[in-house]
């Protein structure tokens, strides 16, 4: 049974990683092109900066979620050892910290704080 599940898990993790990277790239390109369009349509530079930053941050957050999912699938289904679980824990901690700080930058509050 393992000879069937392991390759499927590897392929699933790889596909989800590619999706995560693709999401980040697409949001980056969309944000950049949208900023250029807004610049030529005469929008305020500060408004363009804030909108572009918000769009890019949301794309990075979404891409990070996919990358974390791929790491979890790979670790649990392919290589379940104490070493890989430790590496996964460090990766998830770093990415979670990045998600929290990006969320703070985008919304101006921590996720557990009420909206103003």
Foldseek 3Di string as FASTA:
>chain_A
DLVVQQVVLLVVLVVLLVVLVVLLVVLLVVLVVVLVVCVVVPDDPVVSVLVSLLSNLVSNLVSLVSNLVSLVSCQPSHPPDPVSVVVNVVSCVVSVVVNQVSVCVNQVDGPVDDHD
